[in-house]
Amino acid sequence: MTIKEIAHRLVELCRIGEFEKAQTELFADDCVSIEPDGAPVKEVKGLDGLAEKGKQFMDMMEPHGFSVSDPIVADDFFSCTIMMDATFKPTGQRSKSTEIAVYEVKDGKIIKEEFFFRPQG
């Protein structure tokens, strides 16, 4: 797959809530996921770490709405914005947030994802 195909496939799967399928289909076994300082988990490595991070995230929130922009591609990278409306179970606080996600692709797989937002709390 080309980087444009990977970017569009990731967005397509995320828009229908198929996050696990996106990870197993598009991410490298040794991928890295990085969150900003102040996030519950700063960095995880590998598909197992990514899956566990996703499970923990989904366990702590009740989603009300989610959207992903079309991707922007440049060289070996692509980016999109993610909007989420959710209630966080530990606090009962509902919030809407927007973040920028940047992905790096090598040899037809996503090797790194990094999220940019201001953690609340």
PDB file of N, CA and C in Angstrom:
ATOM      1  N   MET A   1       0.829  -1.185   0.000  1.00  0.00           N
ATOM      2  CA  MET A   1       0.000   0.000   0.000  1.00  0.00           C
ATOM      3  C   MET A   1       0.877   1.254   0.000  1.00  0.00           C
ATOM      4  N   THR A   2       0.422   2.267  -0.670  1.00  0.00           N
ATOM      5  CA  THR A   2       1.124   3.551  -0.642  1.00  0.00           C
ATOM      6  C   THR A   2       0.769   4.273   0.656  1.00  0.00           C
ATOM      7  N   ILE A   3       1.534   5.308   0.972  1.00  0.00           N
ATOM      8  CA  ILE A   3       1.224   6.065   2.184  1.00  0.00           C
ATOM      9  C   ILE A   3      -0.173   6.691   2.102  1.00  0.00           C
ATOM     10  N   LYS A   4      -0.570   7.153   0.923  1.00  0.00           N
ATOM     11  CA  LYS A   4      -1.924   7.718   0.780  1.00  0.00           C
ATOM     12  C   LYS A   4      -2.986   6.658   1.036  1.00  0.00           C
ATOM     13  N   GLU A   5      -2.769   5.456   0.540  1.00  0.00           N
ATOM     14  CA  GLU A   5      -3.721   4.365   0.774  1.00  0.00           C
ATOM     15  C   GLU A   5      -3.784   4.005   2.249  1.00  0.00           C
ATOM     16  N   ILE A   6      -2.640   3.960   2.904  1.00  0.00           N
ATOM     17  CA  ILE A   6      -2.593   3.657   4.339  1.00  0.00           C
ATOM     18  C   ILE A   6      -3.332   4.740   5.120  1.00  0.00           C
ATOM     19  N   ALA A   7      -3.066   6.002   4.800  1.00  0.00           N
ATOM     20  CA  ALA A   7      -3.707   7.119   5.495  1.00  0.00           C
ATOM     21  C   ALA A   7      -5.226   7.059   5.336  1.00  0.00           C
ATOM     22  N   HIS A   8      -5.689   6.858   4.126  1.00  0.00           N
ATOM     23  CA  HIS A   8      -7.133   6.818   3.887  1.00  0.00           C
ATOM     24  C   HIS A   8      -7.776   5.584   4.519  1.00  0.00           C
ATOM     25  N   ARG A   9      -7.061   4.478   4.532  1.00  0.00           N
ATOM     26  CA  ARG A   9      -7.592   3.260   5.166  1.00  0.00           C
ATOM     27  C   ARG A   9      -7.702   3.450   6.677  1.00  0.00           C
ATOM     28  N   LEU A  10      -6.704   4.070   7.298  1.00  0.00           N
ATOM     29  CA  LEU A  10      -6.766   4.321   8.733  1.00  0.00           C
ATOM     30  C   LEU A  10      -7.968   5.203   9.061  1.00  0.00           C
ATOM     31  N   VAL A  11      -8.136   6.273   8.330  1.00  0.00           N
ATOM     32  CA  VAL A  11      -9.270   7.177   8.564  1.00  0.00           C
ATOM     33  C   VAL A  11     -10.591   6.426   8.366  1.00  0.00           C
ATOM     34  N   GLU A  12     -10.675   5.642   7.301  1.00  0.00           N
ATOM     35  CA  GLU A  12     -11.891   4.877   7.019  1.00  0.00           C
ATOM     36  C   GLU A  12     -12.241   3.955   8.188  1.00  0.00           C
ATOM     37  N   LEU A  13     -11.261   3.210   8.697  1.00  0.00           N
ATOM     38  CA  LEU A  13     -11.515   2.278   9.798  1.00  0.00           C
ATOM     39  C   LEU A  13     -11.847   3.008  11.096  1.00  0.00           C
ATOM     40  N   CYS A  14     -11.156   4.093  11.373  1.00  0.00           N
ATOM     41  CA  CYS A  14     -11.431   4.856  12.599  1.00  0.00           C
ATOM     42  C   CYS A  14     -12.832   5.460  12.572  1.00  0.00           C
ATOM     43  N   ARG A  15     -13.261   5.920  11.425  1.00  0.00           N
ATOM     44  CA  ARG A  15     -14.593   6.537  11.318  1.00  0.00           C
ATOM     45  C   ARG A  15     -15.721   5.560  11.623  1.00  0.00           C
ATOM     46  N   ILE A  16     -15.467   4.271  11.428  1.00  0.00           N
ATOM     47  CA  ILE A  16     -16.504   3.278  11.747  1.00  0.00           C
ATOM     48  C   ILE A  16     -16.203   2.538  13.053  1.00  0.00           C
ATOM     49  N   GLY A  17     -15.218   3.033  13.810  1.00  0.00           N
ATOM     50  CA  GLY A  17     -14.919   2.466  15.119  1.00  0.00           C
ATOM     51  C   GLY A  17     -14.126   1.177  15.105  1.00  0.00           C
ATOM     52  N   GLU A  18     -13.495   0.858  13.994  1.00  0.00           N
ATOM     53  CA  GLU A  18     -12.718  -0.379  13.864  1.00  0.00           C
ATOM     54  C   GLU A  18     -11.242  -0.130  14.218  1.00  0.00           C
ATOM     55  N   PHE A  19     -11.015   0.319  15.465  1.00  0.00           N
ATOM     56  CA  PHE A  19      -9.667   0.691  15.887  1.00  0.00           C
ATOM     57  C   PHE A  19      -8.723  -0.510  15.956  1.00  0.00           C
ATOM     58  N   GLU A  20      -9.204  -1.612  16.497  1.00  0.00           N
ATOM     59  CA  GLU A  20      -8.357  -2.816  16.592  1.00  0.00           C
ATOM     60  C   GLU A  20      -7.994  -3.341  15.208  1.00  0.00           C
ATOM     61  N   LYS A  21      -8.945  -3.337  14.302  1.00  0.00           N
ATOM     62  CA  LYS A  21      -8.673  -3.791  12.937  1.00  0.00           C
ATOM     63  C   LYS A  21      -7.632  -2.886  12.285  1.00  0.00           C
ATOM     64  N   ALA A  22      -7.747  -1.569  12.520  1.00  0.00           N
ATOM     65  CA  ALA A  22      -6.767  -0.630  11.973  1.00  0.00           C
ATOM     66  C   ALA A  22      -5.372  -0.952  12.493  1.00  0.00           C
ATOM     67  N   GLN A  23      -5.273  -1.248  13.780  1.00  0.00           N
ATOM     68  CA  GLN A  23      -3.963  -1.556  14.353  1.00  0.00           C
ATOM     69  C   GLN A  23      -3.366  -2.826  13.764  1.00  0.00           C
ATOM     70  N   THR A  24      -4.140  -3.891  13.713  1.00  0.00           N
ATOM     71  CA  THR A  24      -3.595  -5.159  13.220  1.00  0.00           C
ATOM     72  C   THR A  24      -3.302  -5.117  11.725  1.00  0.00           C
ATOM     73  N   GLU A  25      -4.082  -4.345  10.988  1.00  0.00           N
ATOM     74  CA  GLU A  25      -3.918  -4.275   9.537  1.00  0.00           C
ATOM     75  C   GLU A  25      -2.822  -3.303   9.095  1.00  0.00           C
ATOM     76  N   LEU A  26      -2.684  -2.186   9.798  1.00  0.00           N
ATOM     77  CA  LEU A  26      -1.857  -1.094   9.288  1.00  0.00           C
ATOM     78  C   LEU A  26      -0.587  -0.793  10.080  1.00  0.00           C
ATOM     79  N   PHE A  27      -0.483  -1.265  11.311  1.00  0.00           N
ATOM     80  CA  PHE A  27       0.648  -0.915  12.160  1.00  0.00           C
ATOM     81  C   PHE A  27       1.720  -2.002  12.156  1.00  0.00           C
ATOM     82  N   ALA A  28       2.971  -1.577  12.257  1.00  0.00           N
ATOM     83  CA  ALA A  28       4.105  -2.505  12.354  1.00  0.00           C
ATOM     84  C   ALA A  28       4.102  -3.168  13.726  1.00  0.00           C
ATOM     85  N   ASP A  29       4.657  -4.367  13.788  1.00  0.00           N
ATOM     86  CA  ASP A  29       4.723  -5.094  15.059  1.00  0.00           C
ATOM     87  C   ASP A  29       5.452  -4.306  16.133  1.00  0.00           C
ATOM     88  N   ASP A  30       6.456  -3.530  15.749  1.00  0.00           N
ATOM     89  CA  ASP A  30       7.271  -2.782  16.710  1.00  0.00           C
ATOM     90  C   ASP A  30       6.933  -1.287  16.723  1.00  0.00           C
ATOM     91  N   CYS A  31       5.688  -0.962  16.433  1.00  0.00           N
ATOM     92  CA  CYS A  31       5.255   0.445  16.384  1.00  0.00           C
ATOM     93  C   CYS A  31       5.391   1.117  17.754  1.00  0.00           C
ATOM     94  N   VAL A  32       5.379   2.442  17.720  1.00  0.00           N
ATOM     95  CA  VAL A  32       5.464   3.254  18.934  1.00  0.00           C
ATOM     96  C   VAL A  32       4.293   4.231  18.921  1.00  0.00           C
ATOM     97  N   SER A  33       3.684   4.420  20.100  1.00  0.00           N
ATOM     98  CA  SER A  33       2.599   5.375  20.257  1.00  0.00           C
ATOM     99  C   SER A  33       2.972   6.341  21.374  1.00  0.00           C
ATOM    100  N   ILE A  34       2.906   7.646  21.087  1.00  0.00           N
ATOM    101  CA  ILE A  34       3.347   8.666  22.038  1.00  0.00           C
ATOM    102  C   ILE A  34       2.209   9.648  22.299  1.00  0.00           C
ATOM    103  N   GLU A  35       1.972   9.915  23.576  1.00  0.00           N
ATOM    104  CA  GLU A  35       0.986  10.895  24.027  1.00  0.00           C
ATOM    105  C   GLU A  35       1.732  12.078  24.644  1.00  0.00           C
ATOM    106  N   PRO A  36       1.071  13.220  24.792  1.00  0.00           N
ATOM    107  CA  PRO A  36       1.745  14.370  25.400  1.00  0.00           C
ATOM    108  C   PRO A  36       1.953  14.178  26.902  1.00  0.00           C
ATOM    109  N   ASP A  37       2.850  14.972  27.481  1.00  0.00           N
ATOM    110  CA  ASP A  37       3.039  14.964  28.928  1.00  0.00           C
ATOM    111  C   ASP A  37       1.701  15.246  29.597  1.00  0.00           C
ATOM    112  N   GLY A  38       1.410  14.517  30.666  1.00  0.00           N
ATOM    113  CA  GLY A  38       0.160  14.696  31.393  1.00  0.00           C
ATOM    114  C   GLY A  38      -0.918  13.704  31.003  1.00  0.00           C
ATOM    115  N   ALA A  39      -0.727  12.986  29.920  1.00  0.00           N
ATOM    116  CA  ALA A  39      -1.678  11.949  29.516  1.00  0.00           C
ATOM    117  C   ALA A  39      -1.483  10.734  30.430  1.00  0.00           C
ATOM    118  N   PRO A  40      -2.522   9.906  30.605  1.00  0.00           N
ATOM    119  CA  PRO A  40      -2.398   8.743  31.491  1.00  0.00           C
ATOM    120  C   PRO A  40      -1.242   7.802  31.131  1.00  0.00           C
ATOM    121  N   VAL A  41      -0.993   7.617  29.846  1.00  0.00           N
ATOM    122  CA  VAL A  41       0.110   6.771  29.384  1.00  0.00           C
ATOM    123  C   VAL A  41       0.925   7.596  28.396  1.00  0.00           C
ATOM    124  N   LYS A  42       2.218   7.772  28.650  1.00  0.00           N
ATOM    125  CA  LYS A  42       3.076   8.612  27.807  1.00  0.00           C
ATOM    126  C   LYS A  42       3.497   7.899  26.525  1.00  0.00           C
ATOM    127  N   GLU A  43       3.939   6.637  26.646  1.00  0.00           N
ATOM    128  CA  GLU A  43       4.458   5.923  25.471  1.00  0.00           C
ATOM    129  C   GLU A  43       4.248   4.427  25.627  1.00  0.00           C
ATOM    130  N   VAL A  44       3.864   3.790  24.535  1.00  0.00           N
ATOM    131  CA  VAL A  44       3.796   2.332  24.480  1.00  0.00           C
ATOM    132  C   VAL A  44       4.484   1.865  23.216  1.00  0.00           C
ATOM    133  N   LYS A  45       4.969   0.624  23.266  1.00  0.00           N
ATOM    134  CA  LYS A  45       5.647   0.046  22.107  1.00  0.00           C
ATOM    135  C   LYS A  45       5.021  -1.291  21.755  1.00  0.00           C
ATOM    136  N   GLY A  46       4.957  -1.564  20.466  1.00  0.00           N
ATOM    137  CA  GLY A  46       4.470  -2.834  19.964  1.00  0.00           C
ATOM    138  C   GLY A  46       2.956  -2.901  19.858  1.00  0.00           C
ATOM    139  N   LEU A  47       2.498  -3.854  19.060  1.00  0.00           N
ATOM    140  CA  LEU A  47       1.054  -4.015  18.860  1.00  0.00           C
ATOM    141  C   LEU A  47       0.333  -4.386  20.144  1.00  0.00           C
ATOM    142  N   ASP A  48       0.957  -5.211  20.984  1.00  0.00           N
ATOM    143  CA  ASP A  48       0.326  -5.582  22.254  1.00  0.00           C
ATOM    144  C   ASP A  48       0.159  -4.363  23.155  1.00  0.00           C
ATOM    145  N   GLY A  49       1.191  -3.517  23.231  1.00  0.00           N
ATOM    146  CA  GLY A  49       1.112  -2.299  24.026  1.00  0.00           C
ATOM    147  C   GLY A  49       0.053  -1.352  23.495  1.00  0.00           C
ATOM    148  N   LEU A  50      -0.028  -1.244  22.188  1.00  0.00           N
ATOM    149  CA  LEU A  50      -1.024  -0.388  21.548  1.00  0.00           C
ATOM    150  C   LEU A  50      -2.435  -0.894  21.852  1.00  0.00           C
ATOM    151  N   ALA A  51      -2.627  -2.195  21.764  1.00  0.00           N
ATOM    152  CA  ALA A  51      -3.942  -2.778  22.046  1.00  0.00           C
ATOM    153  C   ALA A  51      -4.335  -2.557  23.502  1.00  0.00           C
ATOM    154  N   GLU A  52      -3.402  -2.739  24.419  1.00  0.00           N
ATOM    155  CA  GLU A  52      -3.691  -2.549  25.846  1.00  0.00           C
ATOM    156  C   GLU A  52      -4.013  -1.086  26.143  1.00  0.00           C
ATOM    157  N   LYS A  53      -3.262  -0.167  25.541  1.00  0.00           N
ATOM    158  CA  LYS A  53      -3.537   1.265  25.720  1.00  0.00           C
ATOM    159  C   LYS A  53      -4.945   1.603  25.234  1.00  0.00           C
ATOM    160  N   GLY A  54      -5.318   1.079  24.076  1.00  0.00           N
ATOM    161  CA  GLY A  54      -6.652   1.317  23.535  1.00  0.00           C
ATOM    162  C   GLY A  54      -7.742   0.759  24.428  1.00  0.00           C
ATOM    163  N   LYS A  55      -7.517  -0.427  24.976  1.00  0.00           N
ATOM    164  CA  LYS A  55      -8.502  -1.047  25.879  1.00  0.00           C
ATOM    165  C   LYS A  55      -8.671  -0.202  27.135  1.00  0.00           C
ATOM    166  N   GLN A  56      -7.569   0.216  27.729  1.00  0.00           N
ATOM    167  CA  GLN A  56      -7.640   1.046  28.935  1.00  0.00           C
ATOM    168  C   GLN A  56      -8.372   2.351  28.649  1.00  0.00           C
ATOM    169  N   PHE A  57      -8.090   2.946  27.504  1.00  0.00           N
ATOM    170  CA  PHE A  57      -8.725   4.202  27.131  1.00  0.00           C
ATOM    171  C   PHE A  57     -10.233   4.015  26.995  1.00  0.00           C
ATOM    172  N   MET A  58     -10.644   2.972  26.283  1.00  0.00           N
ATOM    173  CA  MET A  58     -12.071   2.736  26.076  1.00  0.00           C
ATOM    174  C   MET A  58     -12.778   2.358  27.384  1.00  0.00           C
ATOM    175  N   ASP A  59     -12.069   1.680  28.298  1.00  0.00           N
ATOM    176  CA  ASP A  59     -12.653   1.316  29.589  1.00  0.00           C
ATOM    177  C   ASP A  59     -12.908   2.534  30.470  1.00  0.00           C
ATOM    178  N   MET A  60     -12.162   3.616  30.270  1.00  0.00           N
ATOM    179  CA  MET A  60     -12.315   4.776  31.151  1.00  0.00           C
ATOM    180  C   MET A  60     -13.230   5.861  30.586  1.00  0.00           C
ATOM    181  N   MET A  61     -13.842   5.606  29.437  1.00  0.00           N
ATOM    182  CA  MET A  61     -14.717   6.637  28.879  1.00  0.00           C
ATOM    183  C   MET A  61     -15.978   6.060  28.272  1.00  0.00           C
ATOM    184  N   GLU A  62     -16.981   6.926  28.217  1.00  0.00           N
ATOM    185  CA  GLU A  62     -18.218   6.607  27.516  1.00  0.00           C
ATOM    186  C   GLU A  62     -18.321   7.582  26.352  1.00  0.00           C
ATOM    187  N   PRO A  63     -18.099   7.117  25.133  1.00  0.00           N
ATOM    188  CA  PRO A  63     -18.100   8.030  23.979  1.00  0.00           C
ATOM    189  C   PRO A  63     -19.511   8.474  23.593  1.00  0.00           C
ATOM    190  N   HIS A  64     -19.618   9.739  23.182  1.00  0.00           N
ATOM    191  CA  HIS A  64     -20.875  10.292  22.687  1.00  0.00           C
ATOM    192  C   HIS A  64     -20.748  10.684  21.214  1.00  0.00           C
ATOM    193  N   GLY A  65     -19.533  10.979  20.777  1.00  0.00           N
ATOM    194  CA  GLY A  65     -19.302  11.367  19.394  1.00  0.00           C
ATOM    195  C   GLY A  65     -17.818  11.321  19.078  1.00  0.00           C
ATOM    196  N   PHE A  66     -17.513  11.048  17.829  1.00  0.00           N
ATOM    197  CA  PHE A  66     -16.130  10.894  17.409  1.00  0.00           C
ATOM    198  C   PHE A  66     -16.052  11.208  15.926  1.00  0.00           C
ATOM    199  N   SER A  67     -15.036  11.990  15.521  1.00  0.00           N
ATOM    200  CA  SER A  67     -14.847  12.232  14.095  1.00  0.00           C
ATOM    201  C   SER A  67     -13.354  12.347  13.788  1.00  0.00           C
ATOM    202  N   VAL A  68     -13.025  12.040  12.543  1.00  0.00           N
ATOM    203  CA  VAL A  68     -11.642  12.102  12.064  1.00  0.00           C
ATOM    204  C   VAL A  68     -11.648  12.850  10.741  1.00  0.00           C
ATOM    205  N   SER A  69     -10.732  13.806  10.602  1.00  0.00           N
ATOM    206  CA  SER A  69     -10.636  14.564   9.353  1.00  0.00           C
ATOM    207  C   SER A  69     -10.010  13.714   8.257  1.00  0.00           C
ATOM    208  N   ASP A  70     -10.096  14.198   7.040  1.00  0.00           N
ATOM    209  CA  ASP A  70      -9.350  13.580   5.951  1.00  0.00           C
ATOM    210  C   ASP A  70      -7.857  13.759   6.237  1.00  0.00           C
ATOM    211  N   PRO A  71      -7.031  12.830   5.813  1.00  0.00           N
ATOM    212  CA  PRO A  71      -5.596  12.934   6.093  1.00  0.00           C
ATOM    213  C   PRO A  71      -4.878  13.917   5.170  1.00  0.00           C
ATOM    214  N   ILE A  72      -3.788  14.447   5.682  1.00  0.00           N
ATOM    215  CA  ILE A  72      -2.857  15.265   4.907  1.00  0.00           C
ATOM    216  C   ILE A  72      -1.557  14.478   4.856  1.00  0.00           C
ATOM    217  N   VAL A  73      -1.034  14.253   3.663  1.00  0.00           N
ATOM    218  CA  VAL A  73       0.145  13.409   3.470  1.00  0.00           C
ATOM    219  C   VAL A  73       1.330  14.237   3.000  1.00  0.00           C
ATOM    220  N   ALA A  74       2.503  13.962   3.596  1.00  0.00           N
ATOM    221  CA  ALA A  74       3.756  14.597   3.176  1.00  0.00           C
ATOM    222  C   ALA A  74       4.897  13.623   3.435  1.00  0.00           C
ATOM    223  N   ASP A  75       5.636  13.303   2.406  1.00  0.00           N
ATOM    224  CA  ASP A  75       6.759  12.357   2.508  1.00  0.00           C
ATOM    225  C   ASP A  75       6.294  11.056   3.162  1.00  0.00           C
ATOM    226  N   ASP A  76       6.923  10.674   4.273  1.00  0.00           N
ATOM    227  CA  ASP A  76       6.595   9.428   4.969  1.00  0.00           C
ATOM    228  C   ASP A  76       5.644   9.650   6.136  1.00  0.00           C
ATOM    229  N   PHE A  77       4.938  10.791   6.145  1.00  0.00           N
ATOM    230  CA  PHE A  77       4.075  11.142   7.261  1.00  0.00           C
ATOM    231  C   PHE A  77       2.683  11.503   6.773  1.00  0.00           C
ATOM    232  N   PHE A  78       1.709  11.304   7.665  1.00  0.00           N
ATOM    233  CA  PHE A  78       0.387  11.867   7.422  1.00  0.00           C
ATOM    234  C   PHE A  78      -0.197  12.295   8.754  1.00  0.00           C
ATOM    235  N   SER A  79      -1.159  13.192   8.661  1.00  0.00           N
ATOM    236  CA  SER A  79      -1.746  13.762   9.860  1.00  0.00           C
ATOM    237  C   SER A  79      -3.241  13.930   9.664  1.00  0.00           C
ATOM    238  N   CYS A  80      -3.970  13.905  10.763  1.00  0.00           N
ATOM    239  CA  CYS A  80      -5.390  14.205  10.741  1.00  0.00           C
ATOM    240  C   CYS A  80      -5.787  14.758  12.107  1.00  0.00           C
ATOM    241  N   THR A  81      -6.922  15.419  12.147  1.00  0.00           N
ATOM    242  CA  THR A  81      -7.446  15.875  13.424  1.00  0.00           C
ATOM    243  C   THR A  81      -8.505  14.883  13.888  1.00  0.00           C
ATOM    244  N   ILE A  82      -8.570  14.735  15.207  1.00  0.00           N
ATOM    245  CA  ILE A  82      -9.531  13.830  15.818  1.00  0.00           C
ATOM    246  C   ILE A  82     -10.344  14.637  16.825  1.00  0.00           C
ATOM    247  N   MET A  83     -11.663  14.552  16.722  1.00  0.00           N
ATOM    248  CA  MET A  83     -12.551  15.195  17.677  1.00  0.00           C
ATOM    249  C   MET A  83     -13.268  14.111  18.456  1.00  0.00           C
ATOM    250  N   MET A  84     -13.343  14.299  19.773  1.00  0.00           N
ATOM    251  CA  MET A  84     -14.025  13.318  20.598  1.00  0.00           C
ATOM    252  C   MET A  84     -14.898  14.028  21.624  1.00  0.00           C
ATOM    253  N   ASP A  85     -16.103  13.533  21.775  1.00  0.00           N
ATOM    254  CA  ASP A  85     -17.033  13.974  22.807  1.00  0.00           C
ATOM    255  C   ASP A  85     -17.264  12.751  23.682  1.00  0.00           C
ATOM    256  N   ALA A  86     -16.854  12.830  24.947  1.00  0.00           N
ATOM    257  CA  ALA A  86     -16.936  11.655  25.812  1.00  0.00           C
ATOM    258  C   ALA A  86     -17.095  12.057  27.268  1.00  0.00           C
ATOM    259  N   THR A  87     -17.659  11.147  28.035  1.00  0.00           N
ATOM    260  CA  THR A  87     -17.696  11.291  29.484  1.00  0.00           C
ATOM    261  C   THR A  87     -16.636  10.363  30.053  1.00  0.00           C
ATOM    262  N   PHE A  88     -15.759  10.917  30.873  1.00  0.00           N
ATOM    263  CA  PHE A  88     -14.709  10.116  31.483  1.00  0.00           C
ATOM    264  C   PHE A  88     -15.235   9.520  32.779  1.00  0.00           C
ATOM    265  N   LYS A  89     -15.304   8.200  32.831  1.00  0.00           N
ATOM    266  CA  LYS A  89     -15.927   7.475  33.931  1.00  0.00           C
ATOM    267  C   LYS A  89     -15.326   7.807  35.298  1.00  0.00           C
ATOM    268  N   PRO A  90     -14.003   7.937  35.438  1.00  0.00           N
ATOM    269  CA  PRO A  90     -13.463   8.213  36.771  1.00  0.00           C
ATOM    270  C   PRO A  90     -13.984   9.514  37.393  1.00  0.00           C
ATOM    271  N   THR A  91     -14.256  10.523  36.580  1.00  0.00           N
ATOM    272  CA  THR A  91     -14.682  11.825  37.105  1.00  0.00           C
ATOM    273  C   THR A  91     -16.144  12.139  36.803  1.00  0.00           C
ATOM    274  N   GLY A  92     -16.735  11.441  35.833  1.00  0.00           N
ATOM    275  CA  GLY A  92     -18.086  11.748  35.401  1.00  0.00           C
ATOM    276  C   GLY A  92     -18.153  13.009  34.559  1.00  0.00           C
ATOM    277  N   GLN A  93     -16.997  13.557  34.207  1.00  0.00           N
ATOM    278  CA  GLN A  93     -16.923  14.805  33.455  1.00  0.00           C
ATOM    279  C   GLN A  93     -17.049  14.529  31.955  1.00  0.00           C
ATOM    280  N   ARG A  94     -17.960  15.247  31.325  1.00  0.00           N
ATOM    281  CA  ARG A  94     -18.097  15.150  29.875  1.00  0.00           C
ATOM    282  C   ARG A  94     -17.314  16.282  29.239  1.00  0.00           C
ATOM    283  N   SER A  95     -16.578  15.956  28.215  1.00  0.00           N
ATOM    284  CA  SER A  95     -15.807  17.001  27.541  1.00  0.00           C
ATOM    285  C   SER A  95     -15.687  16.698  26.061  1.00  0.00           C
ATOM    286  N   LYS A  96     -15.473  17.769  25.315  1.00  0.00           N
ATOM    287  CA  LYS A  96     -15.186  17.664  23.887  1.00  0.00           C
ATOM    288  C   LYS A  96     -13.732  18.073  23.716  1.00  0.00           C
ATOM    289  N   SER A  97     -13.004  17.293  22.954  1.00  0.00           N
ATOM    290  CA  SER A  97     -11.593  17.609  22.740  1.00  0.00           C
ATOM    291  C   SER A  97     -11.232  17.391  21.285  1.00  0.00           C
ATOM    292  N   THR A  98     -10.197  18.097  20.879  1.00  0.00           N
ATOM    293  CA  THR A  98      -9.668  17.941  19.530  1.00  0.00           C
ATOM    294  C   THR A  98      -8.168  17.760  19.638  1.00  0.00           C
ATOM    295  N   GLU A  99      -7.628  16.878  18.835  1.00  0.00           N
ATOM    296  CA  GLU A  99      -6.188  16.648  18.839  1.00  0.00           C
ATOM    297  C   GLU A  99      -5.693  16.462  17.414  1.00  0.00           C
ATOM    298  N   ILE A 100      -4.402  16.590  17.270  1.00  0.00           N
ATOM    299  CA  ILE A 100      -3.754  16.318  15.996  1.00  0.00           C
ATOM    300  C   ILE A 100      -2.980  15.019  16.151  1.00  0.00           C
ATOM    301  N   ALA A 101      -3.174  14.124  15.215  1.00  0.00           N
ATOM    302  CA  ALA A 101      -2.447  12.861  15.205  1.00  0.00           C
ATOM    303  C   ALA A 101      -1.490  12.871  14.015  1.00  0.00           C
ATOM    304  N   VAL A 102      -0.244  12.503  14.279  1.00  0.00           N
ATOM    305  CA  VAL A 102       0.772  12.423  13.224  1.00  0.00           C
ATOM    306  C   VAL A 102       1.268  10.988  13.172  1.00  0.00           C
ATOM    307  N   TYR A 103       1.305  10.434  11.979  1.00  0.00           N
ATOM    308  CA  TYR A 103       1.711   9.046  11.769  1.00  0.00           C
ATOM    309  C   TYR A 103       2.929   9.000  10.850  1.00  0.00           C
ATOM    310  N   GLU A 104       3.842   8.096  11.158  1.00  0.00           N
ATOM    311  CA  GLU A 104       5.007   7.868  10.303  1.00  0.00           C
ATOM    312  C   GLU A 104       4.904   6.470   9.712  1.00  0.00           C
ATOM    313  N   VAL A 105       5.174   6.361   8.423  1.00  0.00           N
ATOM    314  CA  VAL A 105       5.053   5.090   7.708  1.00  0.00           C
ATOM    315  C   VAL A 105       6.410   4.676   7.153  1.00  0.00           C
ATOM    316  N   LYS A 106       6.706   3.387   7.285  1.00  0.00           N
ATOM    317  CA  LYS A 106       7.939   2.824   6.721  1.00  0.00           C
ATOM    318  C   LYS A 106       7.632   1.399   6.256  1.00  0.00           C
ATOM    319  N   ASP A 107       8.081   1.070   5.072  1.00  0.00           N
ATOM    320  CA  ASP A 107       7.887  -0.271   4.512  1.00  0.00           C
ATOM    321  C   ASP A 107       6.430  -0.713   4.534  1.00  0.00           C
ATOM    322  N   GLY A 108       5.514   0.233   4.245  1.00  0.00           N
ATOM    323  CA  GLY A 108       4.107  -0.110   4.122  1.00  0.00           C
ATOM    324  C   GLY A 108       3.349  -0.277   5.418  1.00  0.00           C
ATOM    325  N   LYS A 109       3.934   0.114   6.545  1.00  0.00           N
ATOM    326  CA  LYS A 109       3.266  -0.002   7.845  1.00  0.00           C
ATOM    327  C   LYS A 109       3.474   1.273   8.653  1.00  0.00           C
ATOM    328  N   ILE A 110       2.528   1.568   9.527  1.00  0.00           N
ATOM    329  CA  ILE A 110       2.679   2.694  10.447  1.00  0.00           C
ATOM    330  C   ILE A 110       3.646   2.265  11.547  1.00  0.00           C
ATOM    331  N   ILE A 111       4.739   3.022  11.696  1.00  0.00           N
ATOM    332  CA  ILE A 111       5.737   2.674  12.708  1.00  0.00           C
ATOM    333  C   ILE A 111       5.649   3.578  13.940  1.00  0.00           C
ATOM    334  N   LYS A 112       4.962   4.713  13.782  1.00  0.00           N
ATOM    335  CA  LYS A 112       4.864   5.642  14.909  1.00  0.00           C
ATOM    336  C   LYS A 112       3.599   6.473  14.778  1.00  0.00           C
ATOM    337  N   GLU A 113       2.943   6.669  15.922  1.00  0.00           N
ATOM    338  CA  GLU A 113       1.840   7.611  15.994  1.00  0.00           C
ATOM    339  C   GLU A 113       2.116   8.523  17.175  1.00  0.00           C
ATOM    340  N   GLU A 114       1.816   9.802  17.004  1.00  0.00           N
ATOM    341  CA  GLU A 114       2.007  10.751  18.086  1.00  0.00           C
ATOM    342  C   GLU A 114       0.826  11.705  18.098  1.00  0.00           C
ATOM    343  N   PHE A 115       0.315  11.942  19.306  1.00  0.00           N
ATOM    344  CA  PHE A 115      -0.874  12.765  19.479  1.00  0.00           C
ATOM    345  C   PHE A 115      -0.504  14.071  20.158  1.00  0.00           C
ATOM    346  N   PHE A 116      -1.095  15.156  19.669  1.00  0.00           N
ATOM    347  CA  PHE A 116      -0.839  16.479  20.197  1.00  0.00           C
ATOM    348  C   PHE A 116      -2.149  17.097  20.681  1.00  0.00           C
ATOM    349  N   PHE A 117      -2.237  17.309  21.991  1.00  0.00           N
ATOM    350  CA  PHE A 117      -3.389  17.953  22.618  1.00  0.00           C
ATOM    351  C   PHE A 117      -2.985  18.378  24.023  1.00  0.00           C
ATOM    352  N   ARG A 118      -3.823  19.186  24.646  1.00  0.00           N
ATOM    353  CA  ARG A 118      -3.588  19.609  26.026  1.00  0.00           C
ATOM    354  C   ARG A 118      -4.411  18.708  26.950  1.00  0.00           C
ATOM    355  N   PRO A 119      -3.751  17.829  27.710  1.00  0.00           N
ATOM    356  CA  PRO A 119      -4.504  16.962  28.640  1.00  0.00           C
ATOM    357  C   PRO A 119      -5.283  17.797  29.649  1.00  0.00           C
ATOM    358  N   GLN A 120      -6.491  17.338  29.948  1.00  0.00           N
ATOM    359  CA  GLN A 120      -7.315  18.035  30.934  1.00  0.00           C
ATOM    360  C   GLN A 120      -7.067  17.450  32.315  1.00  0.00           C
ATOM    361  N   GLY A 121      -7.339  18.259  33.296  1.00  0.00           N
ATOM    362  CA  GLY A 121      -7.236  17.740  34.652  1.00  0.00           C
ATOM    363  C   GLY A 121      -6.139  18.281  35.391  1.00  0.00           C
TER     364      GLY A 121
END
